């Protein structure tokens, strides 16, 4: 389709995809972007839980 970020721009998904073929010889190429994605998703999940706890009137009883 051609949508999305163009190739010279760094992107976590592209880094994971490119590091897939080097996973045995250089695991850090795929590991660091994967860990960054995991930490970001975990932080957003905690932020969402905190916002729900603070803003949900049913939980303030």
PDB file of N, CA and C in Angstrom:
ATOM      1  N   UNK A   1       0.834  -1.188   0.000  1.00  0.00           N
ATOM      2  CA  UNK A   1       0.000   0.000   0.000  1.00  0.00           C
ATOM      3  C   UNK A   1       0.872   1.242   0.000  1.00  0.00           C
ATOM      4  N   UNK A   2       2.009   1.183   0.697  1.00  0.00           N
ATOM      5  CA  UNK A   2       2.909   2.331   0.716  1.00  0.00           C
ATOM      6  C   UNK A   2       2.642   3.320   1.823  1.00  0.00           C
ATOM      7  N   UNK A   3       1.787   2.967   2.759  1.00  0.00           N
ATOM      8  CA  UNK A   3       1.513   3.866   3.874  1.00  0.00           C
ATOM      9  C   UNK A   3       2.515   3.629   4.994  1.00  0.00           C
ATOM     10  N   UNK A   4       2.706   4.619   5.836  1.00  0.00           N
ATOM     11  CA  UNK A   4       3.595   4.463   6.980  1.00  0.00           C
ATOM     12  C   UNK A   4       4.868   5.264   6.824  1.00  0.00           C
ATOM     13  N   UNK A   5       5.782   4.994   7.729  1.00  0.00           N
ATOM     14  CA  UNK A   5       7.051   5.713   7.758  1.00  0.00           C
ATOM     15  C   UNK A   5       7.972   5.160   6.676  1.00  0.00           C
ATOM     16  N   UNK A   6       8.666   6.043   5.992  1.00  0.00           N
ATOM     17  CA  UNK A   6       9.567   5.639   4.924  1.00  0.00           C
ATOM     18  C   UNK A   6      10.835   5.001   5.502  1.00  0.00           C
ATOM     19  N   UNK A   7      11.519   4.134   4.763  1.00  0.00           N
ATOM     20  CA  UNK A   7      12.631   3.323   5.262  1.00  0.00           C
ATOM     21  C   UNK A   7      13.777   4.021   5.996  1.00  0.00           C
ATOM     22  N   UNK A   8      14.255   5.195   5.637  1.00  0.00           N
ATOM     23  CA  UNK A   8      15.387   5.713   6.415  1.00  0.00           C
ATOM     24  C   UNK A   8      15.019   6.145   7.830  1.00  0.00           C
ATOM     25  N   UNK A   9      13.737   6.290   8.130  1.00  0.00           N
ATOM     26  CA  UNK A   9      13.310   6.709   9.461  1.00  0.00           C
ATOM     27  C   UNK A   9      13.320   5.509  10.401  1.00  0.00           C
ATOM     28  N   UNK A  10      13.995   5.608  11.559  1.00  0.00           N
ATOM     29  CA  UNK A  10      14.022   4.476  12.485  1.00  0.00           C
ATOM     30  C   UNK A  10      12.638   4.207  13.073  1.00  0.00           C
ATOM     31  N   UNK A  11      12.289   2.955  13.162  1.00  0.00           N
ATOM     32  CA  UNK A  11      10.999   2.534  13.679  1.00  0.00           C
ATOM     33  C   UNK A  11      11.212   1.209  14.416  1.00  0.00           C
ATOM     34  N   UNK A  12      10.586   1.072  15.581  1.00  0.00           N
ATOM     35  CA  UNK A  12      10.800  -0.132  16.392  1.00  0.00           C
ATOM     36  C   UNK A  12      10.402  -1.406  15.657  1.00  0.00           C
ATOM     37  N   UNK A  13       9.288  -1.378  14.965  1.00  0.00           N
ATOM     38  CA  UNK A  13       8.849  -2.563  14.223  1.00  0.00           C
ATOM     39  C   UNK A  13       9.823  -2.937  13.120  1.00  0.00           C
ATOM     40  N   UNK A  14      10.342  -1.940  12.427  1.00  0.00           N
ATOM     41  CA  UNK A  14      11.323  -2.202  11.370  1.00  0.00           C
ATOM     42  C   UNK A  14      12.631  -2.724  11.961  1.00  0.00           C
ATOM     43  N   UNK A  15      13.012  -2.209  13.133  1.00  0.00           N
ATOM     44  CA  UNK A  15      14.225  -2.699  13.789  1.00  0.00           C
ATOM     45  C   UNK A  15      14.068  -4.161  14.192  1.00  0.00           C
ATOM     46  N   UNK A  16      12.894  -4.520  14.726  1.00  0.00           N
ATOM     47  CA  UNK A  16      12.640  -5.913  15.083  1.00  0.00           C
ATOM     48  C   UNK A  16      12.660  -6.801  13.850  1.00  0.00           C
ATOM     49  N   UNK A  17      12.038  -6.351  12.789  1.00  0.00           N
ATOM     50  CA  UNK A  17      11.990  -7.132  11.559  1.00  0.00           C
ATOM     51  C   UNK A  17      13.385  -7.303  10.955  1.00  0.00           C
ATOM     52  N   UNK A  18      14.175  -6.240  10.959  1.00  0.00           N
ATOM     53  CA  UNK A  18      15.529  -6.324  10.421  1.00  0.00           C
ATOM     54  C   UNK A  18      16.455  -7.166  11.279  1.00  0.00           C
ATOM     55  N   UNK A  19      16.248  -7.156  12.586  1.00  0.00           N
ATOM     56  CA  UNK A  19      17.090  -7.935  13.484  1.00  0.00           C
ATOM     57  C   UNK A  19      16.726  -9.396  13.556  1.00  0.00           C
ATOM     58  N   UNK A  20      15.618  -9.766  12.950  1.00  0.00           N
ATOM     59  CA  UNK A  20      15.151 -11.148  12.997  1.00  0.00           C
ATOM     60  C   UNK A  20      16.146 -12.113  12.365  1.00  0.00           C
ATOM     61  N   UNK A  21      16.791 -11.719  11.278  1.00  0.00           N
ATOM     62  CA  UNK A  21      17.726 -12.635  10.624  1.00  0.00           C
ATOM     63  C   UNK A  21      19.081 -12.703  11.343  1.00  0.00           C
ATOM     64  N   UNK A  22      19.348 -11.779  12.269  1.00  0.00           N
ATOM     65  CA  UNK A  22      20.616 -11.779  12.998  1.00  0.00           C
ATOM     66  C   UNK A  22      20.452 -12.227  14.448  1.00  0.00           C
ATOM     67  N   UNK A  23      19.334 -12.841  14.785  1.00  0.00           N
ATOM     68  CA  UNK A  23      19.016 -13.140  16.176  1.00  0.00           C
ATOM     69  C   UNK A  23      20.033 -14.095  16.812  1.00  0.00           C
ATOM     70  N   UNK A  24      20.625 -14.978  16.043  1.00  0.00           N
ATOM     71  CA  UNK A  24      21.615 -15.912  16.610  1.00  0.00           C
ATOM     72  C   UNK A  24      23.006 -15.291  16.734  1.00  0.00           C
ATOM     73  N   UNK A  25      23.381 -14.454  15.803  1.00  0.00           N
ATOM     74  CA  UNK A  25      24.733 -13.889  15.826  1.00  0.00           C
ATOM     75  C   UNK A  25      24.818 -12.585  16.604  1.00  0.00           C
ATOM     76  N   UNK A  26      23.765 -11.779  16.566  1.00  0.00           N
ATOM     77  CA  UNK A  26      23.750 -10.492  17.275  1.00  0.00           C
ATOM     78  C   UNK A  26      22.361 -10.276  17.881  1.00  0.00           C
ATOM     79  N   UNK A  27      22.073 -10.938  19.003  1.00  0.00           N
ATOM     80  CA  UNK A  27      20.721 -10.863  19.569  1.00  0.00           C
ATOM     81  C   UNK A  27      20.322  -9.473  20.049  1.00  0.00           C
ATOM     82  N   UNK A  28      21.296  -8.615  20.326  1.00  0.00           N
ATOM     83  CA  UNK A  28      20.964  -7.271  20.808  1.00  0.00           C
ATOM     84  C   UNK A  28      20.228  -6.438  19.758  1.00  0.00           C
ATOM     85  N   UNK A  29      20.382  -6.779  18.488  1.00  0.00           N
ATOM     86  CA  UNK A  29      19.718  -6.017  17.428  1.00  0.00           C
ATOM     87  C   UNK A  29      18.200  -6.126  17.545  1.00  0.00           C
ATOM     88  N   UNK A  30      17.698  -7.284  17.932  1.00  0.00           N
ATOM     89  CA  UNK A  30      16.252  -7.458  18.096  1.00  0.00           C
ATOM     90  C   UNK A  30      15.820  -7.314  19.547  1.00  0.00           C
ATOM     91  N   UNK A  31      16.728  -7.548  20.485  1.00  0.00           N
ATOM     92  CA  UNK A  31      16.354  -7.532  21.901  1.00  0.00           C
ATOM     93  C   UNK A  31      16.053  -6.126  22.393  1.00  0.00           C
ATOM     94  N   UNK A  32      16.893  -5.156  22.089  1.00  0.00           N
ATOM     95  CA  UNK A  32      16.695  -3.802  22.606  1.00  0.00           C
ATOM     96  C   UNK A  32      15.403  -3.152  22.114  1.00  0.00           C
ATOM     97  N   UNK A  33      15.066  -3.216  20.818  1.00  0.00           N
ATOM     98  CA  UNK A  33      13.765  -2.667  20.414  1.00  0.00           C
ATOM     99  C   UNK A  33      12.592  -3.427  21.031  1.00  0.00           C
ATOM    100  N   UNK A  34      12.733  -4.744  21.182  1.00  0.00           N
ATOM    101  CA  UNK A  34      11.668  -5.532  21.808  1.00  0.00           C
ATOM    102  C   UNK A  34      11.446  -5.145  23.255  1.00  0.00           C
ATOM    103  N   UNK A  35      12.529  -4.937  23.988  1.00  0.00           N
ATOM    104  CA  UNK A  35      12.419  -4.507  25.387  1.00  0.00           C
ATOM    105  C   UNK A  35      11.838  -3.096  25.462  1.00  0.00           C
ATOM    106  N   UNK A  36      12.226  -2.226  24.555  1.00  0.00           N
ATOM    107  CA  UNK A  36      11.678  -0.865  24.539  1.00  0.00           C
ATOM    108  C   UNK A  36      10.173  -0.882  24.285  1.00  0.00           C
ATOM    109  N   UNK A  37       9.720  -1.723  23.368  1.00  0.00           N
ATOM    110  CA  UNK A  37       8.284  -1.849  23.110  1.00  0.00           C
ATOM    111  C   UNK A  37       7.576  -2.384  24.341  1.00  0.00           C
ATOM    112  N   UNK A  38       8.146  -3.400  24.981  1.00  0.00           N
ATOM    113  CA  UNK A  38       7.535  -4.002  26.161  1.00  0.00           C
ATOM    114  C   UNK A  38       7.425  -2.998  27.307  1.00  0.00           C
ATOM    115  N   UNK A  39       8.463  -2.224  27.559  1.00  0.00           N
ATOM    116  CA  UNK A  39       8.439  -1.226  28.635  1.00  0.00           C
ATOM    117  C   UNK A  39       7.426  -0.125  28.322  1.00  0.00           C
ATOM    118  N   UNK A  40       7.360   0.304  27.068  1.00  0.00           N
ATOM    119  CA  UNK A  40       6.401   1.341  26.682  1.00  0.00           C
ATOM    120  C   UNK A  40       4.965   0.866  26.876  1.00  0.00           C
ATOM    121  N   UNK A  41       4.658  -0.342  26.447  1.00  0.00           N
ATOM    122  CA  UNK A  41       3.304  -0.881  26.603  1.00  0.00           C
ATOM    123  C   UNK A  41       2.962  -1.042  28.074  1.00  0.00           C
ATOM    124  N   UNK A  42       3.907  -1.510  28.890  1.00  0.00           N
ATOM    125  CA  UNK A  42       3.675  -1.662  30.326  1.00  0.00           C
ATOM    126  C   UNK A  42       3.416  -0.304  30.979  1.00  0.00           C
ATOM    127  N   UNK A  43       4.195   0.709  30.601  1.00  0.00           N
ATOM    128  CA  UNK A  43       4.007   2.048  31.167  1.00  0.00           C
ATOM    129  C   UNK A  43       2.655   2.636  30.768  1.00  0.00           C
ATOM    130  N   UNK A  44       2.254   2.458  29.524  1.00  0.00           N
ATOM    131  CA  UNK A  44       0.946   2.954  29.091  1.00  0.00           C
ATOM    132  C   UNK A  44      -0.186   2.216  29.796  1.00  0.00           C
ATOM    133  N   UNK A  45       0.002   0.928  30.052  1.00  0.00           N
ATOM    134  CA  UNK A  45      -0.993   0.155  30.785  1.00  0.00           C
ATOM    135  C   UNK A  45      -1.121   0.668  32.216  1.00  0.00           C
ATOM    136  N   UNK A  46      -0.008   0.934  32.871  1.00  0.00           N
ATOM    137  CA  UNK A  46      -0.045   1.486  34.229  1.00  0.00           C
ATOM    138  C   UNK A  46      -0.677   2.873  34.243  1.00  0.00           C
ATOM    139  N   UNK A  47      -0.376   3.685  33.254  1.00  0.00           N
ATOM    140  CA  UNK A  47      -0.977   5.011  33.152  1.00  0.00           C
ATOM    141  C   UNK A  47      -2.491   4.911  32.984  1.00  0.00           C
ATOM    142  N   UNK A  48      -2.939   4.012  32.135  1.00  0.00           N
ATOM    143  CA  UNK A  48      -4.372   3.815  31.938  1.00  0.00           C
ATOM    144  C   UNK A  48      -5.064   3.321  33.195  1.00  0.00           C
ATOM    145  N   UNK A  49      -4.423   2.398  33.924  1.00  0.00           N
ATOM    146  CA  UNK A  49      -4.997   1.918  35.184  1.00  0.00           C
ATOM    147  C   UNK A  49      -5.086   3.039  36.207  1.00  0.00           C
ATOM    148  N   UNK A  50      -4.060   3.859  36.278  1.00  0.00           N
ATOM    149  CA  UNK A  50      -4.077   4.982  37.213  1.00  0.00           C
ATOM    150  C   UNK A  50      -5.147   6.001  36.871  1.00  0.00           C
ATOM    151  N   UNK A  51      -5.311   6.275  35.586  1.00  0.00           N
ATOM    152  CA  UNK A  51      -6.362   7.215  35.172  1.00  0.00           C
ATOM    153  C   UNK A  51      -7.745   6.649  35.473  1.00  0.00           C
ATOM    154  N   UNK A  52      -7.924   5.357  35.244  1.00  0.00           N
ATOM    155  CA  UNK A  52      -9.207   4.739  35.556  1.00  0.00           C
ATOM    156  C   UNK A  52      -9.500   4.817  37.049  1.00  0.00           C
ATOM    157  N   UNK A  53      -8.511   4.515  37.871  1.00  0.00           N
ATOM    158  CA  UNK A  53      -8.694   4.573  39.321  1.00  0.00           C
ATOM    159  C   UNK A  53      -9.001   5.987  39.788  1.00  0.00           C
ATOM    160  N   UNK A  54      -8.385   6.982  39.176  1.00  0.00           N
ATOM    161  CA  UNK A  54      -8.590   8.368  39.591  1.00  0.00           C
ATOM    162  C   UNK A  54      -9.903   8.953  39.081  1.00  0.00           C
ATOM    163  N   UNK A  55     -10.376   8.506  37.933  1.00  0.00           N
ATOM    164  CA  UNK A  55     -11.518   9.157  37.302  1.00  0.00           C
ATOM    165  C   UNK A  55     -12.827   8.368  37.353  1.00  0.00           C
ATOM    166  N   UNK A  56     -12.795   7.105  37.737  1.00  0.00           N
ATOM    167  CA  UNK A  56     -14.020   6.294  37.757  1.00  0.00           C
ATOM    168  C   UNK A  56     -14.795   6.556  39.043  1.00  0.00           C
ATOM    169  N   UNK A  57     -15.992   7.125  38.948  1.00  0.00           N
ATOM    170  CA  UNK A  57     -16.750   7.448  40.163  1.00  0.00           C
ATOM    171  C   UNK A  57     -17.221   6.202  40.920  1.00  0.00           C
ATOM    172  N   UNK A  58     -17.352   5.074  40.260  1.00  0.00           N
ATOM    173  CA  UNK A  58     -17.787   3.858  40.952  1.00  0.00           C
ATOM    174  C   UNK A  58     -16.721   3.325  41.897  1.00  0.00           C
ATOM    175  N   UNK A  59     -15.462   3.639  41.655  1.00  0.00           N
ATOM    176  CA  UNK A  59     -14.383   3.151  42.509  1.00  0.00           C
ATOM    177  C   UNK A  59     -14.132   4.049  43.713  1.00  0.00           C
ATOM    178  N   UNK A  60     -14.782   5.197  43.800  1.00  0.00           N
ATOM    179  CA  UNK A  60     -14.532   6.145  44.892  1.00  0.00           C
ATOM    180  C   UNK A  60     -15.433   5.913  46.098  1.00  0.00           C
ATOM    181  N   UNK A  61     -16.127   4.815  46.161  1.00  0.00           N
ATOM    182  CA  UNK A  61     -17.029   4.553  47.289  1.00  0.00           C
ATOM    183  C   UNK A  61     -16.279   4.192  48.535  1.00  0.00           C
TER     184      UNK A  61
END
